[in-house]
Amino acid sequence: MNHDPSESDVMYASPATRDAFLNALDGEDRLLTIRLAKQLLTCMNRLPGLTRDALALPTGATYGAAARHILSLGPSTDPRAHK
C-alpha cells in the first residue's frame, strides 16, 4: 500500500493513539497493530528510535512510515522479523 501524504492529509496523532500502536507492536497483537496502523498512515510524529530500529526503518521515520510498513507486510507477518 503506497500512500504518500499530501499537505492536506498530514496529521499528528494523539499520544494515546501512538502509545497504543507501540504497545500493540510490543505485545505482538497483530490485529490491533493493523487497526491502529490504518489510523496512523499520515501521522508525521517521529517514531521512537528503538521501534524504528526493530522495524528496520531509516532515521527520522514517522509513525506514518511505520504504519505503511506494517500494512505492506500482510495480515499474518511479525513486523519485527523483517530486519
Protein backbone atom coordinates (compact mmCIF):
# COMPACT_ATOMS: atom_id res chain seq x y z
CA MET A 1 0.00 0.00 0.00
CA ASN A 2 1.61 3.23 -1.09
CA HIS A 3 0.25 6.36 0.46
CA ASP A 4 2.37 9.46 0.29
CA PRO A 5 0.70 12.07 2.45
CA SER A 6 -0.07 15.38 0.81
CA GLU A 7 -0.01 18.52 2.93
CA SER A 8 -3.78 18.40 3.25
CA ASP A 9 -3.86 14.97 4.94
CA VAL A 10 -0.78 15.22 7.16
CA MET A 11 -1.70 14.80 10.78
CA TYR A 12 -0.18 14.39 14.19
CA ALA A 13 -1.70 11.57 16.23
CA SER A 14 -2.58 11.82 19.88
CA PRO A 15 -0.12 10.41 22.41
CA ALA A 16 -2.75 7.81 23.37
CA THR A 17 -3.01 6.51 19.80
CA ARG A 18 0.76 6.45 19.35
CA ASP A 19 1.23 4.64 22.67
CA ALA A 20 -1.48 2.11 21.79
CA PHE A 21 0.32 1.39 18.49
CA LEU A 22 3.67 0.86 20.24
CA ASN A 23 2.03 -1.35 22.88
CA ALA A 24 0.31 -3.42 20.19
CA LEU A 25 3.65 -3.91 18.44
CA ASP A 26 5.37 -4.86 21.70
CA GLY A 27 2.52 -7.16 22.69
CA GLU A 28 2.54 -8.84 19.29
CA ASP A 29 -1.18 -8.11 18.84
CA ARG A 30 -1.27 -8.23 15.05
CA LEU A 31 -4.95 -7.37 14.61
CA LEU A 32 -4.75 -4.34 16.91
CA THR A 33 -1.49 -3.27 15.28
CA ILE A 34 -3.14 -3.33 11.84
CA ARG A 35 -6.22 -1.46 13.08
CA LEU A 36 -4.07 1.27 14.64
CA ALA A 37 -1.73 1.40 11.64
CA LYS A 38 -4.70 2.29 9.45
CA GLN A 39 -5.31 5.30 11.72
CA LEU A 40 -1.68 6.43 11.52
CA LEU A 41 -0.99 6.36 7.77
CA THR A 42 -0.45 10.12 7.53
CA CYS A 43 0.96 10.68 11.03
CA MET A 44 4.10 12.79 10.94
CA ASN A 45 5.12 12.27 14.59
CA ARG A 46 8.61 10.79 14.82
CA LEU A 47 8.84 7.12 15.72
CA PRO A 48 10.92 6.26 18.81
CA GLY A 49 14.40 5.01 17.93
CA LEU A 50 14.04 1.54 19.45
CA THR A 51 10.86 0.87 17.49
CA ARG A 52 12.34 2.35 14.34
CA ASP A 53 15.35 0.05 14.67
CA ALA A 54 13.18 -3.00 15.42
CA LEU A 55 11.24 -2.35 12.20
CA ALA A 56 14.45 -1.60 10.27
CA LEU A 57 13.21 1.85 9.24
CA PRO A 58 15.55 4.77 8.50
CA THR A 59 16.49 7.51 10.94
CA GLY A 60 13.74 10.11 11.12
CA ALA A 61 10.98 7.63 10.28
CA THR A 62 7.49 8.62 11.35
CA TYR A 63 4.54 6.71 12.72
CA GLY A 64 3.05 7.05 9.24
CA ALA A 65 6.07 5.32 7.71
CA ALA A 66 5.83 2.58 10.32
CA ALA A 67 2.11 2.18 9.65
CA ARG A 68 2.66 1.84 5.91
CA HIS A 69 5.47 -0.65 6.57
CA ILE A 70 3.25 -2.75 8.86
CA LEU A 71 0.40 -2.80 6.35
CA SER A 72 2.74 -3.75 3.50
CA LEU A 73 3.75 -6.94 5.33
CA GLY A 74 0.36 -8.57 5.17
CA PRO A 75 -2.01 -9.76 7.86
CA SER A 76 -0.01 -12.56 9.48
CA THR A 77 3.60 -11.40 9.47
CA ASP A 78 5.53 -10.28 12.57
CA PRO A 79 6.84 -6.82 11.57
CA ARG A 80 10.00 -7.26 13.64
CA ALA A 81 11.01 -10.33 11.62
CA HIS A 82 11.86 -8.13 8.59
CA LYS A 83 15.11 -6.55 9.72
